[in-house]
Protein backbone atom coordinates (compact mmCIF):
# COMPACT_ATOMS: atom_id res chain seq x y z
CA MET A 1 0.00 0.00 0.00
CA LEU A 2 1.49 3.29 -1.11
CA ARG A 3 1.61 5.90 1.63
CA CYS A 4 2.65 9.51 1.38
CA ILE A 5 5.18 11.49 3.29
CA ARG A 6 3.86 14.67 4.86
CA LYS A 7 5.10 17.14 2.28
CA ASP A 8 3.60 15.18 -0.63
CA ARG A 9 0.13 14.59 0.79
CA CYS A 10 -2.87 16.56 -0.53
CA PRO A 11 -3.31 19.73 1.57
CA TRP A 12 -6.79 18.84 2.86
CA ALA A 13 -5.32 15.79 4.62
CA GLU A 14 -2.79 17.62 6.79
CA ALA A 15 -4.45 16.59 10.06
CA GLU A 16 -2.99 13.31 11.32
CA ILE A 17 -6.39 11.62 11.55
CA ASN A 18 -6.80 12.12 7.78
CA HIS A 19 -3.50 10.47 6.83
CA ASP A 20 -4.61 6.85 6.70
CA TYR A 21 -7.90 7.69 4.98
CA HIS A 22 -6.08 9.78 2.35
CA ASP A 23 -3.31 7.23 1.85
CA THR A 24 -5.47 4.11 1.58
CA GLU A 25 -9.08 4.96 0.68
CA TRP A 26 -9.79 8.39 -0.79
CA GLY A 27 -9.87 8.26 -4.58
CA VAL A 28 -9.75 4.45 -4.77
CA PRO A 29 -12.52 3.18 -7.11
CA SER A 30 -15.12 1.47 -4.94
CA HIS A 31 -17.55 -1.16 -6.24
CA ASP A 32 -18.71 -2.55 -2.91
CA ASP A 33 -22.33 -1.67 -2.12
CA ARG A 34 -21.80 -1.65 1.64
CA HIS A 35 -18.92 0.80 1.33
CA LEU A 36 -20.86 2.95 -1.14
CA PHE A 37 -23.77 3.16 1.30
CA GLU A 38 -21.41 4.03 4.14
CA MET A 39 -19.87 6.89 2.17
CA LEU A 40 -23.30 8.13 1.09
CA VAL A 41 -24.37 8.38 4.73
CA LEU A 42 -21.08 9.89 5.92
CA GLU A 43 -20.87 12.49 3.17
CA GLY A 44 -24.44 13.54 3.94
CA ALA A 45 -23.60 13.77 7.63
CA GLN A 46 -20.55 15.89 6.80
CA ALA A 47 -22.60 18.67 5.19
CA GLY A 48 -21.91 21.86 7.12
CA LEU A 49 -19.07 20.27 9.11
CA SER A 50 -15.45 19.34 8.52
CA TRP A 51 -14.59 15.91 7.17
CA THR A 52 -12.18 15.52 10.07
CA THR A 53 -15.16 15.71 12.44
CA ILE A 54 -16.89 12.85 10.64
CA LEU A 55 -13.73 10.78 10.35
CA ARG A 56 -13.21 11.00 14.12
CA LYS A 57 -16.71 9.60 14.58
CA ARG A 58 -16.54 6.95 11.86
CA GLU A 59 -16.36 3.97 14.19
CA ASP A 60 -19.26 5.37 16.20
CA TYR A 61 -21.24 5.67 12.98
CA ARG A 62 -20.48 2.05 12.13
CA ARG A 63 -21.72 1.00 15.55
CA ALA A 64 -24.83 3.18 15.42
CA PHE A 65 -25.76 2.24 11.85
CA ALA A 66 -25.23 -1.53 12.03
CA ASN A 67 -21.92 -1.36 10.16
CA PHE A 68 -23.94 0.23 7.33
CA ASP A 69 -25.86 -2.92 6.55
CA VAL A 70 -28.40 -1.31 4.26
CA ALA A 71 -31.22 -3.79 4.93
CA THR A 72 -30.90 -3.24 8.69
CA VAL A 73 -30.79 0.55 8.41
CA ALA A 74 -33.85 0.47 6.16
CA ARG A 75 -35.78 -1.10 9.06
CA PHE A 76 -34.87 1.61 11.58
CA ASP A 77 -38.10 2.70 13.26
CA ALA A 78 -39.09 5.76 15.26
CA GLN A 79 -37.75 4.24 18.49
CA LYS A 80 -34.35 3.59 16.92
CA LEU A 81 -34.21 7.10 15.42
CA SER A 82 -35.04 8.60 18.81
CA ALA A 83 -32.15 6.66 20.34
CA LEU A 84 -29.80 7.91 17.62
CA LEU A 85 -30.80 11.49 18.41
CA LEU A 86 -29.36 10.89 21.88
CA ASP A 87 -26.17 9.19 20.70
CA PRO A 88 -23.16 11.45 21.46
CA GLY A 89 -20.94 9.46 19.10
CA ILE A 90 -22.57 10.84 15.94
CA VAL A 91 -23.69 14.23 14.68
CA ARG A 92 -27.35 14.55 15.53
CA PRO A 93 -29.30 16.99 13.37
CA ARG A 94 -32.72 15.37 13.11
CA LEU A 95 -32.98 15.61 9.32
CA LYS A 96 -29.60 13.92 8.82
CA ILE A 97 -30.52 11.02 11.07
CA GLN A 98 -33.96 10.64 9.52
CA SER A 99 -32.41 10.59 6.06
CA ALA A 100 -30.44 7.39 6.76
CA PRO A 101 -33.37 4.90 6.69
CA LEU A 102 -35.00 6.84 3.85
CA ASN A 103 -31.80 6.56 1.83
CA ALA A 104 -31.43 2.90 2.79
CA ARG A 105 -34.88 2.09 1.41
CA ALA A 106 -34.14 4.04 -1.77
CA PHE A 107 -30.79 2.22 -1.98
CA LEU A 108 -32.55 -1.16 -1.78
CA ALA A 109 -34.92 -0.08 -4.55
CA VAL A 110 -31.96 0.78 -6.77
CA GLN A 111 -30.38 -2.60 -6.03
CA ALA A 112 -33.61 -4.34 -6.99
CA GLU A 113 -33.85 -2.40 -10.25
CA PHE A 114 -30.23 -2.49 -11.40
CA GLY A 115 -28.85 -5.56 -9.64
CA SER A 116 -26.54 -3.46 -7.45
CA PHE A 117 -26.07 0.14 -6.44
CA ASN A 118 -22.55 -0.15 -7.84
CA ARG A 119 -23.85 -0.86 -11.34
CA TYR A 120 -26.35 2.01 -11.13
CA LEU A 121 -23.80 4.51 -9.83
CA TRP A 122 -20.97 3.70 -12.21
CA ALA A 123 -23.33 3.90 -15.18
CA PHE A 124 -22.96 7.66 -14.89
CA GLY A 125 -19.27 7.36 -15.75
CA GLY A 126 -19.38 4.32 -18.02
CA GLY A 127 -17.34 2.46 -15.41
CA ALA A 128 -14.23 4.62 -15.81
CA PRO A 129 -13.04 7.12 -13.17
CA ILE A 130 -12.47 10.71 -14.25
CA GLN A 131 -8.74 11.44 -14.08
CA HIS A 132 -8.06 15.06 -13.20
CA ARG A 133 -4.56 16.53 -13.18
CA PHE A 134 -4.78 19.43 -10.79
CA ILE A 135 -1.58 21.04 -9.58
CA ARG A 136 -3.00 23.38 -6.94
CA HIS A 137 -5.62 22.71 -4.30
CA ASP A 138 -7.62 25.77 -5.33
CA GLU A 139 -8.14 24.27 -8.79
CA ILE A 140 -10.30 21.44 -7.42
CA PRO A 141 -14.02 22.15 -7.89
CA THR A 142 -16.64 21.60 -5.21
CA ARG A 143 -19.34 20.62 -7.70
CA THR A 144 -19.57 19.95 -11.41
CA ALA A 145 -22.08 19.06 -14.11
CA GLU A 146 -20.89 15.48 -13.61
CA SER A 147 -21.99 15.55 -9.98
CA GLY A 148 -25.23 17.26 -10.96
CA ALA A 149 -26.41 14.29 -13.01
CA PRO A 150 -26.38 11.64 -10.24
CA SER A 151 -27.61 14.26 -7.77
CA LYS A 152 -30.68 14.92 -9.90
CA ASP A 153 -31.42 11.23 -10.42
CA LEU A 154 -30.87 10.30 -6.77
CA LYS A 155 -33.28 13.03 -5.68
CA LEU A 156 -35.90 11.73 -8.08
CA ARG A 157 -35.49 8.31 -6.46
CA GLY A 158 -36.16 9.73 -3.00
CA PHE A 159 -32.63 10.11 -1.65
CA LYS A 160 -31.90 12.97 0.76
CA PHE A 161 -28.69 14.96 1.32
CA VAL A 162 -27.50 14.25 -2.22
CA GLY A 163 -27.04 17.75 -3.66
CA THR A 164 -24.39 18.40 -6.28
CA THR A 165 -21.72 19.41 -3.77
CA ILE A 166 -22.30 16.36 -1.57
CA CYS A 167 -22.37 14.15 -4.66
CA TYR A 168 -19.05 15.51 -5.86
CA ALA A 169 -17.44 14.77 -2.49
CA PHE A 170 -18.98 11.29 -2.68
CA MET A 171 -17.50 10.83 -6.16
CA GLN A 172 -14.07 11.86 -4.88
CA ALA A 173 -14.32 9.52 -1.90
CA THR A 174 -15.38 6.50 -3.97
CA GLY A 175 -12.89 6.99 -6.78
CA MET A 176 -15.31 8.07 -9.48
CA VAL A 177 -13.07 11.14 -9.66
CA ASN A 178 -9.33 11.13 -9.01
CA ASP A 179 -8.72 14.53 -7.42
CA HIS A 180 -5.39 13.83 -5.78
CA LEU A 181 -3.00 16.55 -6.87
CA VAL A 182 -0.47 15.38 -9.45
CA THR A 183 2.24 16.16 -6.90
CA CYS A 184 0.71 13.57 -4.56
CA PRO A 185 1.99 9.99 -5.05
CA ARG A 186 -1.56 8.73 -4.59
CA HIS A 187 -2.63 10.34 -7.87
CA ARG A 188 -0.58 7.95 -9.95
CA HIS A 189 -1.48 5.02 -7.74
CA CYS A 190 -5.24 5.65 -8.00
CA ALA A 191 -4.97 6.26 -11.76
CA ARG A 192 -3.56 2.75 -12.11
CA LEU A 193 -6.62 1.35 -10.35
CA ARG A 194 -8.97 2.27 -13.17
CA TRP A 195 -11.67 -0.35 -13.46
CA ARG A 196 -11.99 -1.60 -17.02
CA PRO A 197 -15.74 -1.67 -17.75
CA ALA A 198 -17.45 -4.63 -19.36
CA ARG A 199 -18.75 -4.28 -22.93
CA ASP A 200 -22.20 -3.39 -21.60
CA PHE A 201 -21.78 -2.09 -18.08
CA ARG A 202 -25.52 -1.93 -17.59
CA ILE A 203 -25.99 -5.68 -17.23
CA ALA A 204 -22.56 -7.30 -17.01
CA PRO A 205 -21.41 -8.07 -13.46
CA THR A 206 -18.37 -6.43 -11.93
CA PRO A 207 -15.75 -8.75 -10.37
CA ASP A 208 -17.24 -10.93 -7.60
CA GLU A 209 -20.74 -9.67 -8.34
CA PRO A 210 -23.62 -11.90 -9.48
CA GLN A 211 -25.34 -11.39 -12.80
CA ALA A 212 -28.10 -8.81 -12.53
CA ALA A 213 -31.72 -9.38 -13.38
CA PRO A 214 -32.92 -8.10 -16.76
CA CYS A 215 -34.49 -5.04 -15.16
CA SER A 216 -30.97 -3.69 -14.51
CA SER A 217 -30.61 -2.89 -18.20
CA ARG A 218 -32.37 0.43 -17.72
CA LEU A 219 -29.94 3.28 -17.39
CA PRO A 220 -30.21 6.03 -14.78
CA SER A 221 -31.96 9.14 -16.00
CA GLY A 222 -29.84 11.30 -18.32
CA CYS A 223 -27.08 8.76 -19.02
CA SER A 224 -25.73 7.25 -22.22
CA LYS A 225 -23.88 3.93 -22.14
CA THR A 226 -21.36 4.94 -24.78
CA ARG A 227 -19.91 8.22 -23.57
CA ARG A 228 -17.65 9.40 -20.80
CA PHE A 229 -19.12 11.00 -17.70
CA SER A 230 -18.51 14.54 -18.93
CA GLY A 231 -20.69 13.94 -21.97
CA ALA A 232 -22.91 11.14 -20.84
CA CYS A 233 -25.34 12.97 -18.63
CA SER A 234 -27.48 15.94 -19.47
CA GLY A 235 -29.61 18.21 -17.36
CA ALA A 236 -27.46 18.58 -14.27
CA GLY A 237 -30.10 20.72 -12.59
CA GLY A 238 -29.55 23.44 -10.02
CA MET A 239 -26.37 23.67 -8.01
CA ASP A 240 -26.42 23.61 -4.23
CA ALA A 241 -24.44 25.76 -1.81
CA SER A 242 -20.72 25.15 -2.21
CA ARG A 243 -18.75 22.95 0.13
CA ALA A 244 -15.08 23.88 0.00
CA SER A 245 -12.74 21.28 -1.50
CA SER A 246 -10.85 21.42 1.76
CA ARG A 247 -13.96 19.52 2.99
CA SER A 248 -14.72 22.06 5.68
CA ALA A 249 -17.28 24.52 4.29
CA THR A 250 -21.06 24.19 4.38
CA GLY A 251 -23.45 22.73 1.86
CA LEU A 252 -26.74 21.05 2.84
CA SER A 253 -28.67 19.25 0.11
């Protein structure tokens, strides 16, 4: 596992607690539905806070949200949500906590339709991560048309806290976008991890994933199976309040 020395690491990861996350996870293409659900919940919880705050509480989130087992979270009832509102290990705005079971149920619906959330999500990029080559931290955007497309479709499917800024941070975290600076050794490492998509990514399974049902052949709204992310999705919709690429500014969606 390639790790960075302090002077080479991306500036947002200067705090020691961020080092392992930056050096081993951020920007690595993820195709595991449990991990994708975890990052969806954590990025939504981060809105308006620093990522460092959420990372410090990550193990508490795993405890509180059944290690992000989506089927379990989908069954959270009013009694469980009330208990979570009293849990000091997580951030506790009511709307954020209430969004978790709502998103879990929407997540399960996507899995039923497409065979996996992974297949649905990566359809927006045709299975290939976007490889940026930014030199300076201030070049990194907080939202793009590419994040607008999944944001719009996720909202239509009933997901909460999935605005364009949150979606872009989610894309960075799950490797749909490689936003490590070119001066960071992790940029080259993550670029080498590009997942080579199957001929028809809509229905072909990813490694270690079972074949999807025929219903998974329907693409997410606004996507074309033949083009890269930047040209595949139209109608990005309105942009939400910016969240700084340092991961510390606000942006509720």
